[in-house]
C-alpha cells in the first residue's frame, strides 16, 4: 500500500458489554442449546420482519441445507 488507499479492517470484532453479558447469562443457565433464548430471539426476529414465524440456525450451512431440502 502506498498510504493513499482506504484501509478497511477485516476480521476486527466489536463486542459490547451487553453482548458479553448475554453470553454469560446463557452459559450460566441450564440451557446451552435449544433453550428459551432461542424462542425469544425467533419471536423478536419475526416481529421485526413482520412475519408470523422465524427459524434460526447455528450456521449459514445449516440454513442452506434446510432451505434446499
PDB file of N, CA and C in Angstrom:
ATOM      1  N   UNK A   1       0.841  -1.182   0.000  1.00  0.00           N
ATOM      2  CA  UNK A   1       0.000   0.000   0.000  1.00  0.00           C
ATOM      3  C   UNK A   1       0.884   1.242   0.000  1.00  0.00           C
ATOM      4  N   UNK A   2       0.436   2.225  -0.710  1.00  0.00           N
ATOM      5  CA  UNK A   2       1.210   3.464  -0.801  1.00  0.00           C
ATOM      6  C   UNK A   2       0.829   4.478   0.257  1.00  0.00           C
ATOM      7  N   UNK A   3      -0.223   4.229   0.990  1.00  0.00           N
ATOM      8  CA  UNK A   3      -0.670   5.165   2.015  1.00  0.00           C
ATOM      9  C   UNK A   3      -1.881   5.974   1.591  1.00  0.00           C
ATOM     10  N   UNK A   4      -2.229   5.912   0.306  1.00  0.00           N
ATOM     11  CA  UNK A   4      -3.389   6.650  -0.196  1.00  0.00           C
ATOM     12  C   UNK A   4      -4.663   5.807  -0.205  1.00  0.00           C
ATOM     13  N   UNK A   5      -4.524   4.510  -0.045  1.00  0.00           N
ATOM     14  CA  UNK A   5      -5.680   3.630  -0.093  1.00  0.00           C
ATOM     15  C   UNK A   5      -6.438   3.645   1.229  1.00  0.00           C
ATOM     16  N   UNK A   6      -7.737   3.448   1.131  1.00  0.00           N
ATOM     17  CA  UNK A   6      -8.572   3.340   2.322  1.00  0.00           C
ATOM     18  C   UNK A   6      -8.405   1.938   2.888  1.00  0.00           C
ATOM     19  N   UNK A   7      -8.042   1.849   4.145  1.00  0.00           N
ATOM     20  CA  UNK A   7      -7.873   0.553   4.803  1.00  0.00           C
ATOM     21  C   UNK A   7      -9.169   0.186   5.505  1.00  0.00           C
ATOM     22  N   UNK A   8      -9.724  -0.936   5.125  1.00  0.00           N
ATOM     23  CA  UNK A   8     -10.926  -1.455   5.776  1.00  0.00           C
ATOM     24  C   UNK A   8     -10.504  -2.685   6.566  1.00  0.00           C
ATOM     25  N   UNK A   9     -10.536  -2.595   7.893  1.00  0.00           N
ATOM     26  CA  UNK A   9     -10.097  -3.742   8.702  1.00  0.00           C
ATOM     27  C   UNK A   9     -11.043  -4.923   8.537  1.00  0.00           C
ATOM     28  N   UNK A  10     -10.492  -6.049   8.187  1.00  0.00           N
ATOM     29  CA  UNK A  10     -11.275  -7.268   8.029  1.00  0.00           C
ATOM     30  C   UNK A  10     -11.023  -8.160   9.234  1.00  0.00           C
ATOM     31  N   UNK A  11     -12.077  -8.626   9.829  1.00  0.00           N
ATOM     32  CA  UNK A  11     -11.942  -9.535  10.953  1.00  0.00           C
ATOM     33  C   UNK A  11     -11.858  -8.846  12.299  1.00  0.00           C
ATOM     34  N   UNK A  12     -11.976  -7.544  12.321  1.00  0.00           N
ATOM     35  CA  UNK A  12     -11.957  -6.828  13.590  1.00  0.00           C
ATOM     36  C   UNK A  12     -13.346  -6.921  14.215  1.00  0.00           C
ATOM     37  N   UNK A  13     -13.397  -7.298  15.456  1.00  0.00           N
ATOM     38  CA  UNK A  13     -14.675  -7.526  16.118  1.00  0.00           C
ATOM     39  C   UNK A  13     -15.005  -6.397  17.081  1.00  0.00           C
ATOM     40  N   UNK A  14     -16.281  -6.092  17.152  1.00  0.00           N
ATOM     41  CA  UNK A  14     -16.770  -5.139  18.137  1.00  0.00           C
ATOM     42  C   UNK A  14     -17.813  -5.866  18.959  1.00  0.00           C
ATOM     43  N   UNK A  15     -17.496  -6.153  20.184  1.00  0.00           N
ATOM     44  CA  UNK A  15     -18.387  -6.887  21.078  1.00  0.00           C
ATOM     45  C   UNK A  15     -18.686  -5.982  22.261  1.00  0.00           C
ATOM     46  N   UNK A  16     -19.982  -5.693  22.440  1.00  0.00           N
ATOM     47  CA  UNK A  16     -20.379  -4.781  23.511  1.00  0.00           C
ATOM     48  C   UNK A  16     -20.452  -5.515  24.848  1.00  0.00           C
ATOM     49  N   UNK A  17     -20.518  -4.750  25.906  1.00  0.00           N
ATOM     50  CA  UNK A  17     -20.686  -5.340  27.241  1.00  0.00           C
ATOM     51  C   UNK A  17     -22.013  -6.085  27.341  1.00  0.00           C
ATOM     52  N   UNK A  18     -23.057  -5.581  26.656  1.00  0.00           N
ATOM     53  CA  UNK A  18     -24.348  -6.281  26.638  1.00  0.00           C
ATOM     54  C   UNK A  18     -24.225  -7.644  25.966  1.00  0.00           C
ATOM     55  N   UNK A  19     -23.449  -7.717  24.876  1.00  0.00           N
ATOM     56  CA  UNK A  19     -23.224  -8.992  24.199  1.00  0.00           C
ATOM     57  C   UNK A  19     -22.553  -9.986  25.142  1.00  0.00           C
ATOM     58  N   UNK A  20     -21.533  -9.534  25.823  1.00  0.00           N
ATOM     59  CA  UNK A  20     -20.797 -10.399  26.752  1.00  0.00           C
ATOM     60  C   UNK A  20     -21.710 -10.864  27.876  1.00  0.00           C
ATOM     61  N   UNK A  21     -22.497  -9.952  28.418  1.00  0.00           N
ATOM     62  CA  UNK A  21     -23.427 -10.300  29.497  1.00  0.00           C
ATOM     63  C   UNK A  21     -24.457 -11.329  29.030  1.00  0.00           C
ATOM     64  N   UNK A  22     -24.947 -11.183  27.801  1.00  0.00           N
ATOM     65  CA  UNK A  22     -25.921 -12.138  27.264  1.00  0.00           C
ATOM     66  C   UNK A  22     -25.319 -13.532  27.133  1.00  0.00           C
ATOM     67  N   UNK A  23     -24.092 -13.600  26.653  1.00  0.00           N
ATOM     68  CA  UNK A  23     -23.422 -14.896  26.519  1.00  0.00           C
ATOM     69  C   UNK A  23     -23.196 -15.525  27.890  1.00  0.00           C
ATOM     70  N   UNK A  24     -22.744 -14.751  28.840  1.00  0.00           N
ATOM     71  CA  UNK A  24     -22.514 -15.260  30.196  1.00  0.00           C
ATOM     72  C   UNK A  24     -23.824 -15.755  30.803  1.00  0.00           C
ATOM     73  N   UNK A  25     -24.921 -15.012  30.593  1.00  0.00           N
ATOM     74  CA  UNK A  25     -26.226 -15.440  31.110  1.00  0.00           C
ATOM     75  C   UNK A  25     -26.607 -16.819  30.586  1.00  0.00           C
ATOM     76  N   UNK A  26     -26.401 -17.042  29.299  1.00  0.00           N
ATOM     77  CA  UNK A  26     -26.734 -18.345  28.711  1.00  0.00           C
ATOM     78  C   UNK A  26     -25.799 -19.425  29.244  1.00  0.00           C
ATOM     79  N   UNK A  27     -24.511 -19.133  29.320  1.00  0.00           N
ATOM     80  CA  UNK A  27     -23.558 -20.128  29.812  1.00  0.00           C
ATOM     81  C   UNK A  27     -23.829 -20.521  31.261  1.00  0.00           C
ATOM     82  N   UNK A  28     -24.351 -19.593  32.045  1.00  0.00           N
ATOM     83  CA  UNK A  28     -24.652 -19.885  33.447  1.00  0.00           C
ATOM     84  C   UNK A  28     -26.039 -20.493  33.638  1.00  0.00           C
ATOM     85  N   UNK A  29     -26.829 -20.567  32.578  1.00  0.00           N
ATOM     86  CA  UNK A  29     -28.176 -21.130  32.676  1.00  0.00           C
ATOM     87  C   UNK A  29     -28.124 -22.644  32.481  1.00  0.00           C
ATOM     88  N   UNK A  30     -29.292 -23.261  32.539  1.00  0.00           N
ATOM     89  CA  UNK A  30     -29.392 -24.708  32.310  1.00  0.00           C
ATOM     90  C   UNK A  30     -29.493 -25.046  30.828  1.00  0.00           C
ATOM     91  N   UNK A  31     -29.538 -24.032  29.972  1.00  0.00           N
ATOM     92  CA  UNK A  31     -29.760 -24.236  28.543  1.00  0.00           C
ATOM     93  C   UNK A  31     -28.612 -23.663  27.725  1.00  0.00           C
ATOM     94  N   UNK A  32     -27.740 -24.513  27.249  1.00  0.00           N
ATOM     95  CA  UNK A  32     -26.685 -24.041  26.359  1.00  0.00           C
ATOM     96  C   UNK A  32     -27.190 -24.019  24.916  1.00  0.00           C
ATOM     97  N   UNK A  33     -28.046 -24.986  24.573  1.00  0.00           N
ATOM     98  CA  UNK A  33     -28.652 -25.045  23.241  1.00  0.00           C
ATOM     99  C   UNK A  33     -30.146 -25.259  23.388  1.00  0.00           C
ATOM    100  N   UNK A  34     -30.883 -24.834  22.391  1.00  0.00           N
ATOM    101  CA  UNK A  34     -32.329 -25.057  22.300  1.00  0.00           C
ATOM    102  C   UNK A  34     -33.098 -24.549  23.514  1.00  0.00           C
ATOM    103  N   UNK A  35     -32.604 -23.551  24.169  1.00  0.00           N
ATOM    104  CA  UNK A  35     -33.253 -23.023  25.360  1.00  0.00           C
ATOM    105  C   UNK A  35     -34.229 -21.902  25.054  1.00  0.00           C
ATOM    106  N   UNK A  36     -34.725 -21.258  26.091  1.00  0.00           N
ATOM    107  CA  UNK A  36     -35.738 -20.215  25.930  1.00  0.00           C
ATOM    108  C   UNK A  36     -35.238 -18.981  25.176  1.00  0.00           C
ATOM    109  N   UNK A  37     -33.952 -18.749  25.159  1.00  0.00           N
ATOM    110  CA  UNK A  37     -33.418 -17.594  24.425  1.00  0.00           C
ATOM    111  C   UNK A  37     -33.620 -17.752  22.920  1.00  0.00           C
ATOM    112  N   UNK A  38     -33.625 -19.002  22.440  1.00  0.00           N
ATOM    113  CA  UNK A  38     -33.848 -19.254  21.016  1.00  0.00           C
ATOM    114  C   UNK A  38     -35.251 -18.816  20.623  1.00  0.00           C
ATOM    115  N   UNK A  39     -36.251 -19.262  21.380  1.00  0.00           N
ATOM    116  CA  UNK A  39     -37.638 -18.890  21.085  1.00  0.00           C
ATOM    117  C   UNK A  39     -37.826 -17.372  21.191  1.00  0.00           C
ATOM    118  N   UNK A  40     -37.215 -16.776  22.194  1.00  0.00           N
ATOM    119  CA  UNK A  40     -37.297 -15.319  22.364  1.00  0.00           C
ATOM    120  C   UNK A  40     -36.703 -14.602  21.150  1.00  0.00           C
ATOM    121  N   UNK A  41     -35.562 -15.075  20.691  1.00  0.00           N
ATOM    122  CA  UNK A  41     -34.900 -14.469  19.535  1.00  0.00           C
ATOM    123  C   UNK A  41     -35.731 -14.643  18.267  1.00  0.00           C
ATOM    124  N   UNK A  42     -36.291 -15.847  18.066  1.00  0.00           N
ATOM    125  CA  UNK A  42     -37.130 -16.094  16.896  1.00  0.00           C
ATOM    126  C   UNK A  42     -38.358 -15.182  16.896  1.00  0.00           C
ATOM    127  N   UNK A  43     -38.966 -14.985  18.044  1.00  0.00           N
ATOM    128  CA  UNK A  43     -40.129 -14.092  18.132  1.00  0.00           C
ATOM    129  C   UNK A  43     -39.740 -12.652  17.807  1.00  0.00           C
ATOM    130  N   UNK A  44     -38.589 -12.216  18.303  1.00  0.00           N
ATOM    131  CA  UNK A  44     -38.137 -10.853  18.021  1.00  0.00           C
ATOM    132  C   UNK A  44     -37.821 -10.670  16.537  1.00  0.00           C
ATOM    133  N   UNK A  45     -37.198 -11.665  15.936  1.00  0.00           N
ATOM    134  CA  UNK A  45     -36.879 -11.595  14.506  1.00  0.00           C
ATOM    135  C   UNK A  45     -38.153 -11.574  13.673  1.00  0.00           C
ATOM    136  N   UNK A  46     -39.117 -12.443  14.000  1.00  0.00           N
ATOM    137  CA  UNK A  46     -40.359 -12.474  13.223  1.00  0.00           C
ATOM    138  C   UNK A  46     -41.125 -11.161  13.364  1.00  0.00           C
ATOM    139  N   UNK A  47     -41.142 -10.576  14.549  1.00  0.00           N
ATOM    140  CA  UNK A  47     -41.809  -9.286  14.742  1.00  0.00           C
ATOM    141  C   UNK A  47     -41.104  -8.193  13.938  1.00  0.00           C
ATOM    142  N   UNK A  48     -39.791  -8.201  13.960  1.00  0.00           N
ATOM    143  CA  UNK A  48     -39.009  -7.209  13.219  1.00  0.00           C
ATOM    144  C   UNK A  48     -39.270  -7.310  11.717  1.00  0.00           C
ATOM    145  N   UNK A  49     -39.392  -8.556  11.221  1.00  0.00           N
ATOM    146  CA  UNK A  49     -39.605  -8.783   9.787  1.00  0.00           C
ATOM    147  C   UNK A  49     -41.076  -8.699   9.395  1.00  0.00           C
ATOM    148  N   UNK A  50     -41.964  -8.637  10.388  1.00  0.00           N
ATOM    149  CA  UNK A  50     -43.392  -8.587  10.100  1.00  0.00           C
ATOM    150  C   UNK A  50     -43.947  -9.916   9.637  1.00  0.00           C
ATOM    151  N   UNK A  51     -43.341 -11.000  10.078  1.00  0.00           N
ATOM    152  CA  UNK A  51     -43.816 -12.331   9.704  1.00  0.00           C
ATOM    153  C   UNK A  51     -44.388 -13.036  10.925  1.00  0.00           C
ATOM    154  N   UNK A  52     -45.108 -14.116  10.661  1.00  0.00           N
ATOM    155  CA  UNK A  52     -45.694 -14.885  11.758  1.00  0.00           C
ATOM    156  C   UNK A  52     -44.687 -15.826  12.406  1.00  0.00           C
ATOM    157  N   UNK A  53     -43.676 -16.230  11.647  1.00  0.00           N
ATOM    158  CA  UNK A  53     -42.734 -17.230  12.137  1.00  0.00           C
ATOM    159  C   UNK A  53     -41.303 -16.861  11.748  1.00  0.00           C
ATOM    160  N   UNK A  54     -40.371 -17.410  12.476  1.00  0.00           N
ATOM    161  CA  UNK A  54     -38.954 -17.305  12.138  1.00  0.00           C
ATOM    162  C   UNK A  54     -38.259 -18.541  12.690  1.00  0.00           C
ATOM    163  N   UNK A  55     -37.244 -18.973  11.987  1.00  0.00           N
ATOM    164  CA  UNK A  55     -36.439 -20.108  12.433  1.00  0.00           C
ATOM    165  C   UNK A  55     -34.984 -19.674  12.366  1.00  0.00           C
ATOM    166  N   UNK A  56     -34.260 -19.891  13.439  1.00  0.00           N
ATOM    167  CA  UNK A  56     -32.843 -19.549  13.441  1.00  0.00           C
ATOM    168  C   UNK A  56     -32.014 -20.829  13.373  1.00  0.00           C
ATOM    169  N   UNK A  57     -30.831 -20.693  12.814  1.00  0.00           N
ATOM    170  CA  UNK A  57     -29.916 -21.817  12.657  1.00  0.00           C
ATOM    171  C   UNK A  57     -28.574 -21.466  13.278  1.00  0.00           C
ATOM    172  N   UNK A  58     -27.770 -22.482  13.500  1.00  0.00           N
ATOM    173  CA  UNK A  58     -26.458 -22.258  14.102  1.00  0.00           C
ATOM    174  C   UNK A  58     -25.409 -21.825  13.086  1.00  0.00           C
ATOM    175  N   UNK A  59     -25.727 -21.948  11.804  1.00  0.00           N
ATOM    176  CA  UNK A  59     -24.759 -21.558  10.781  1.00  0.00           C
ATOM    177  C   UNK A  59     -25.469 -21.332   9.452  1.00  0.00           C
ATOM    178  N   UNK A  60     -24.790 -20.652   8.566  1.00  0.00           N
ATOM    179  CA  UNK A  60     -25.316 -20.457   7.222  1.00  0.00           C
ATOM    180  C   UNK A  60     -25.439 -21.770   6.478  1.00  0.00           C
ATOM    181  N   UNK A  61     -24.517 -22.688   6.723  1.00  0.00           N
ATOM    182  CA  UNK A  61     -24.575 -24.001   6.083  1.00  0.00           C
ATOM    183  C   UNK A  61     -25.832 -24.750   6.500  1.00  0.00           C
ATOM    184  N   UNK A  62     -26.159 -24.725   7.780  1.00  0.00           N
ATOM    185  CA  UNK A  62     -27.380 -25.384   8.259  1.00  0.00           C
ATOM    186  C   UNK A  62     -28.619 -24.755   7.634  1.00  0.00           C
ATOM    187  N   UNK A  63     -28.635 -23.441   7.530  1.00  0.00           N
ATOM    188  CA  UNK A  63     -29.778 -22.744   6.936  1.00  0.00           C
ATOM    189  C   UNK A  63     -29.936 -23.113   5.465  1.00  0.00           C
ATOM    190  N   UNK A  64     -28.835 -23.159   4.722  1.00  0.00           N
ATOM    191  CA  UNK A  64     -28.905 -23.544   3.313  1.00  0.00           C
ATOM    192  C   UNK A  64     -29.337 -24.991   3.149  1.00  0.00           C
ATOM    193  N   UNK A  65     -28.837 -25.861   4.000  1.00  0.00           N
ATOM    194  CA  UNK A  65     -29.227 -27.270   3.944  1.00  0.00           C
ATOM    195  C   UNK A  65     -30.735 -27.409   4.148  1.00  0.00           C
ATOM    196  N   UNK A  66     -31.288 -26.701   5.118  1.00  0.00           N
ATOM    197  CA  UNK A  66     -32.730 -26.754   5.376  1.00  0.00           C
ATOM    198  C   UNK A  66     -33.515 -26.150   4.212  1.00  0.00           C
ATOM    199  N   UNK A  67     -33.021 -25.057   3.654  1.00  0.00           N
ATOM    200  CA  UNK A  67     -33.728 -24.385   2.563  1.00  0.00           C
ATOM    201  C   UNK A  67     -33.791 -25.244   1.308  1.00  0.00           C
ATOM    202  N   UNK A  68     -32.760 -26.013   1.069  1.00  0.00           N
ATOM    203  CA  UNK A  68     -32.705 -26.809  -0.155  1.00  0.00           C
ATOM    204  C   UNK A  68     -33.099 -28.260   0.048  1.00  0.00           C
ATOM    205  N   UNK A  69     -33.576 -28.597   1.229  1.00  0.00           N
ATOM    206  CA  UNK A  69     -34.019 -29.976   1.489  1.00  0.00           C
ATOM    207  C   UNK A  69     -35.452 -30.164   1.066  1.00  0.00           C
TER     208      UNK A  69
END
